[in-house]
Amino acid sequence: MPRFSDPAPCDDEERLFECPDCGTRLCSERSTVTCDRCDTEMQNLSVPRPQ
């Protein structure tokens, strides 16, 4: 799988998202983002994972 550059750290008002299919990462102010490459909903990496 190709590795894309990591845009982190994001600005304070932005969240970091990652596509589960291709691994593309981006920062966005929106609450949901769709990957331009795969048309898949991206995962929000800025929220803590449950323990």
PDB file of N, CA and C in Angstrom:
ATOM      1  N   MET A   1       0.859  -1.180   0.000  1.00  0.00           N
ATOM      2  CA  MET A   1       0.000   0.000   0.000  1.00  0.00           C
ATOM      3  C   MET A   1       0.898   1.234   0.000  1.00  0.00           C
ATOM      4  N   PRO A   2       0.616   2.198  -0.848  1.00  0.00           N
ATOM      5  CA  PRO A   2       1.422   3.425  -0.876  1.00  0.00           C
ATOM      6  C   PRO A   2       1.233   4.218   0.403  1.00  0.00           C
ATOM      7  N   ARG A   3       2.282   4.883   0.853  1.00  0.00           N
ATOM      8  CA  ARG A   3       2.213   5.733   2.032  1.00  0.00           C
ATOM      9  C   ARG A   3       2.185   7.181   1.576  1.00  0.00           C
ATOM     10  N   PHE A   4       1.210   7.928   2.061  1.00  0.00           N
ATOM     11  CA  PHE A   4       1.062   9.330   1.713  1.00  0.00           C
ATOM     12  C   PHE A   4       1.614  10.180   2.840  1.00  0.00           C
ATOM     13  N   SER A   5       1.987  11.404   2.528  1.00  0.00           N
ATOM     14  CA  SER A   5       2.542  12.289   3.549  1.00  0.00           C
ATOM     15  C   SER A   5       1.480  12.605   4.599  1.00  0.00           C
ATOM     16  N   ASP A   6       1.931  12.725   5.818  1.00  0.00           N
ATOM     17  CA  ASP A   6       1.041  12.988   6.944  1.00  0.00           C
ATOM     18  C   ASP A   6       0.918  14.491   7.144  1.00  0.00           C
ATOM     19  N   PRO A   7      -0.305  15.046   7.069  1.00  0.00           N
ATOM     20  CA  PRO A   7      -0.479  16.495   7.220  1.00  0.00           C
ATOM     21  C   PRO A   7      -0.447  16.957   8.671  1.00  0.00           C
ATOM     22  N   ALA A   8      -0.376  16.026   9.624  1.00  0.00           N
ATOM     23  CA  ALA A   8      -0.389  16.383  11.038  1.00  0.00           C
ATOM     24  C   ALA A   8       0.881  17.156  11.384  1.00  0.00           C
ATOM     25  N   PRO A   9       0.866  18.082  12.331  1.00  0.00           N
ATOM     26  CA  PRO A   9      -0.300  18.432  13.124  1.00  0.00           C
ATOM     27  C   PRO A   9      -1.243  19.380  12.385  1.00  0.00           C
ATOM     28  N   CYS A  10      -2.506  19.220  12.665  1.00  0.00           N
ATOM     29  CA  CYS A  10      -3.532  20.085  12.062  1.00  0.00           C
ATOM     30  C   CYS A  10      -3.687  21.351  12.896  1.00  0.00           C
ATOM     31  N   ASP A  11      -4.345  22.361  12.328  1.00  0.00           N
ATOM     32  CA  ASP A  11      -4.673  23.568  13.087  1.00  0.00           C
ATOM     33  C   ASP A  11      -5.640  23.212  14.214  1.00  0.00           C
ATOM     34  N   ASP A  12      -5.798  24.112  15.175  1.00  0.00           N
ATOM     35  CA  ASP A  12      -6.641  23.853  16.348  1.00  0.00           C
ATOM     36  C   ASP A  12      -8.080  23.483  15.997  1.00  0.00           C
ATOM     37  N   GLU A  13      -8.643  24.125  14.981  1.00  0.00           N
ATOM     38  CA  GLU A  13     -10.047  23.884  14.643  1.00  0.00           C
ATOM     39  C   GLU A  13     -10.215  22.727  13.650  1.00  0.00           C
ATOM     40  N   GLU A  14      -9.142  22.115  13.225  1.00  0.00           N
ATOM     41  CA  GLU A  14      -9.211  21.036  12.247  1.00  0.00           C
ATOM     42  C   GLU A  14      -9.044  19.662  12.906  1.00  0.00           C
ATOM     43  N   ARG A  15      -9.539  18.632  12.205  1.00  0.00           N
ATOM     44  CA  ARG A  15      -9.405  17.240  12.633  1.00  0.00           C
ATOM     45  C   ARG A  15      -8.610  16.492  11.584  1.00  0.00           C
ATOM     46  N   LEU A  16      -7.903  15.446  12.013  1.00  0.00           N
ATOM     47  CA  LEU A  16      -7.126  14.610  11.109  1.00  0.00           C
ATOM     48  C   LEU A  16      -7.965  13.408  10.703  1.00  0.00           C
ATOM     49  N   PHE A  17      -8.092  13.189   9.388  1.00  0.00           N
ATOM     50  CA  PHE A  17      -8.853  12.070   8.849  1.00  0.00           C
ATOM     51  C   PHE A  17      -7.938  11.164   8.039  1.00  0.00           C
ATOM     52  N   GLU A  18      -8.289   9.851   8.005  1.00  0.00           N
ATOM     53  CA  GLU A  18      -7.541   8.885   7.208  1.00  0.00           C
ATOM     54  C   GLU A  18      -8.512   7.967   6.484  1.00  0.00           C
ATOM     55  N   CYS A  19      -8.226   7.674   5.218  1.00  0.00           N
ATOM     56  CA  CYS A  19      -9.045   6.757   4.432  1.00  0.00           C
ATOM     57  C   CYS A  19      -8.673   5.320   4.811  1.00  0.00           C
ATOM     58  N   PRO A  20      -9.644   4.491   5.196  1.00  0.00           N
ATOM     59  CA  PRO A  20      -9.335   3.108   5.557  1.00  0.00           C
ATOM     60  C   PRO A  20      -8.931   2.257   4.356  1.00  0.00           C
ATOM     61  N   ASP A  21      -9.253   2.696   3.145  1.00  0.00           N
ATOM     62  CA  ASP A  21      -8.947   1.916   1.945  1.00  0.00           C
ATOM     63  C   ASP A  21      -7.558   2.200   1.385  1.00  0.00           C
ATOM     64  N   CYS A  22      -7.195   3.481   1.231  1.00  0.00           N
ATOM     65  CA  CYS A  22      -5.925   3.801   0.572  1.00  0.00           C
ATOM     66  C   CYS A  22      -4.902   4.456   1.497  1.00  0.00           C
ATOM     67  N   GLY A  23      -5.309   4.881   2.705  1.00  0.00           N
ATOM     68  CA  GLY A  23      -4.366   5.462   3.660  1.00  0.00           C
ATOM     69  C   GLY A  23      -4.128   6.950   3.503  1.00  0.00           C
ATOM     70  N   THR A  24      -4.824   7.619   2.587  1.00  0.00           N
ATOM     71  CA  THR A  24      -4.684   9.060   2.421  1.00  0.00           C
ATOM     72  C   THR A  24      -5.109   9.765   3.702  1.00  0.00           C
ATOM     73  N   ARG A  25      -4.335  10.768   4.123  1.00  0.00           N
ATOM     74  CA  ARG A  25      -4.677  11.557   5.306  1.00  0.00           C
ATOM     75  C   ARG A  25      -4.851  13.014   4.920  1.00  0.00           C
ATOM     76  N   LEU A  26      -5.770  13.693   5.631  1.00  0.00           N
ATOM     77  CA  LEU A  26      -5.962  15.123   5.418  1.00  0.00           C
ATOM     78  C   LEU A  26      -6.542  15.761   6.658  1.00  0.00           C
ATOM     79  N   CYS A  27      -6.374  17.071   6.763  1.00  0.00           N
ATOM     80  CA  CYS A  27      -6.942  17.860   7.852  1.00  0.00           C
ATOM     81  C   CYS A  27      -8.170  18.585   7.325  1.00  0.00           C
ATOM     82  N   SER A  28      -9.234  18.635   8.129  1.00  0.00           N
ATOM     83  CA  SER A  28     -10.454  19.303   7.709  1.00  0.00           C
ATOM     84  C   SER A  28     -11.199  19.827   8.926  1.00  0.00           C
ATOM     85  N   GLU A  29     -11.948  20.903   8.715  1.00  0.00           N
ATOM     86  CA  GLU A  29     -12.802  21.458   9.765  1.00  0.00           C
ATOM     87  C   GLU A  29     -14.150  20.742   9.815  1.00  0.00           C
ATOM     88  N   ARG A  30     -14.489  19.979   8.764  1.00  0.00           N
ATOM     89  CA  ARG A  30     -15.777  19.293   8.708  1.00  0.00           C
ATOM     90  C   ARG A  30     -15.799  18.085   9.647  1.00  0.00           C
ATOM     91  N   SER A  31     -17.001  17.615   9.986  1.00  0.00           N
ATOM     92  CA  SER A  31     -17.115  16.468  10.893  1.00  0.00           C
ATOM     93  C   SER A  31     -17.040  15.142  10.143  1.00  0.00           C
ATOM     94  N   THR A  32     -17.378  15.124   8.862  1.00  0.00           N
ATOM     95  CA  THR A  32     -17.232  13.929   8.037  1.00  0.00           C
ATOM     96  C   THR A  32     -16.593  14.320   6.715  1.00  0.00           C
ATOM     97  N   VAL A  33     -15.744  13.435   6.201  1.00  0.00           N
ATOM     98  CA  VAL A  33     -15.008  13.704   4.972  1.00  0.00           C
ATOM     99  C   VAL A  33     -15.024  12.428   4.128  1.00  0.00           C
ATOM    100  N   THR A  34     -15.155  12.586   2.813  1.00  0.00           N
ATOM    101  CA  THR A  34     -15.096  11.453   1.892  1.00  0.00           C
ATOM    102  C   THR A  34     -13.800  11.543   1.098  1.00  0.00           C
ATOM    103  N   CYS A  35     -13.132  10.398   0.937  1.00  0.00           N
ATOM    104  CA  CYS A  35     -11.869  10.336   0.212  1.00  0.00           C
ATOM    105  C   CYS A  35     -12.095  10.623  -1.266  1.00  0.00           C
ATOM    106  N   ASP A  36     -11.287  11.516  -1.836  1.00  0.00           N
ATOM    107  CA  ASP A  36     -11.395  11.857  -3.254  1.00  0.00           C
ATOM    108  C   ASP A  36     -10.953  10.697  -4.140  1.00  0.00           C
ATOM    109  N   ARG A  37     -10.024   9.872  -3.669  1.00  0.00           N
ATOM    110  CA  ARG A  37      -9.505   8.759  -4.462  1.00  0.00           C
ATOM    111  C   ARG A  37     -10.456   7.569  -4.487  1.00  0.00           C
ATOM    112  N   CYS A  38     -11.030   7.223  -3.311  1.00  0.00           N
ATOM    113  CA  CYS A  38     -11.799   5.974  -3.164  1.00  0.00           C
ATOM    114  C   CYS A  38     -13.298   6.183  -3.027  1.00  0.00           C
ATOM    115  N   ASP A  39     -13.727   7.412  -2.771  1.00  0.00           N
ATOM    116  CA  ASP A  39     -15.125   7.720  -2.509  1.00  0.00           C
ATOM    117  C   ASP A  39     -15.627   6.964  -1.271  1.00  0.00           C
ATOM    118  N   THR A  40     -14.739   6.806  -0.276  1.00  0.00           N
ATOM    119  CA  THR A  40     -15.027   6.119   0.974  1.00  0.00           C
ATOM    120  C   THR A  40     -15.026   7.141   2.099  1.00  0.00           C
ATOM    121  N   GLU A  41     -15.910   6.950   3.095  1.00  0.00           N
ATOM    122  CA  GLU A  41     -15.910   7.858   4.241  1.00  0.00           C
ATOM    123  C   GLU A  41     -14.624   7.661   5.036  1.00  0.00           C
ATOM    124  N   MET A  42     -13.950   8.772   5.331  1.00  0.00           N
ATOM    125  CA  MET A  42     -12.676   8.723   6.034  1.00  0.00           C
ATOM    126  C   MET A  42     -12.901   8.644   7.543  1.00  0.00           C
ATOM    127  N   GLN A  43     -11.943   8.034   8.251  1.00  0.00           N
ATOM    128  CA  GLN A  43     -12.011   7.889   9.700  1.00  0.00           C
ATOM    129  C   GLN A  43     -11.392   9.101  10.371  1.00  0.00           C
ATOM    130  N   ASN A  44     -12.054   9.594  11.418  1.00  0.00           N
ATOM    131  CA  ASN A  44     -11.550  10.727  12.194  1.00  0.00           C
ATOM    132  C   ASN A  44     -10.524  10.196  13.188  1.00  0.00           C
ATOM    133  N   LEU A  45      -9.258  10.539  12.993  1.00  0.00           N
ATOM    134  CA  LEU A  45      -8.192  10.086  13.884  1.00  0.00           C
ATOM    135  C   LEU A  45      -8.000  11.010  15.069  1.00  0.00           C
ATOM    136  N   SER A  46      -8.730  12.127  15.121  1.00  0.00           N
ATOM    137  CA  SER A  46      -8.566  13.111  16.183  1.00  0.00           C
ATOM    138  C   SER A  46      -9.365  12.763  17.427  1.00  0.00           C
ATOM    139  N   VAL A  47     -10.255  11.777  17.358  1.00  0.00           N
ATOM    140  CA  VAL A  47     -11.035  11.388  18.537  1.00  0.00           C
ATOM    141  C   VAL A  47     -10.309  10.261  19.256  1.00  0.00           C
ATOM    142  N   PRO A  48     -10.308  10.273  20.586  1.00  0.00           N
ATOM    143  CA  PRO A  48      -9.629   9.203  21.328  1.00  0.00           C
ATOM    144  C   PRO A  48     -10.303   7.855  21.096  1.00  0.00           C
ATOM    145  N   ARG A  49      -9.503   6.810  21.042  1.00  0.00           N
ATOM    146  CA  ARG A  49     -10.046   5.460  20.882  1.00  0.00           C
ATOM    147  C   ARG A  49     -10.567   4.949  22.215  1.00  0.00           C
ATOM    148  N   PRO A  50     -11.639   4.123  22.191  1.00  0.00           N
ATOM    149  CA  PRO A  50     -12.125   3.535  23.440  1.00  0.00           C
ATOM    150  C   PRO A  50     -11.089   2.558  23.999  1.00  0.00           C
ATOM    151  N   GLN A  51     -10.996   2.491  25.328  1.00  0.00           N
ATOM    152  CA  GLN A  51      -9.994   1.613  25.950  1.00  0.00           C
ATOM    153  C   GLN A  51     -10.571   0.287  26.335  1.00  0.00           C
TER     154      GLN A  51
END
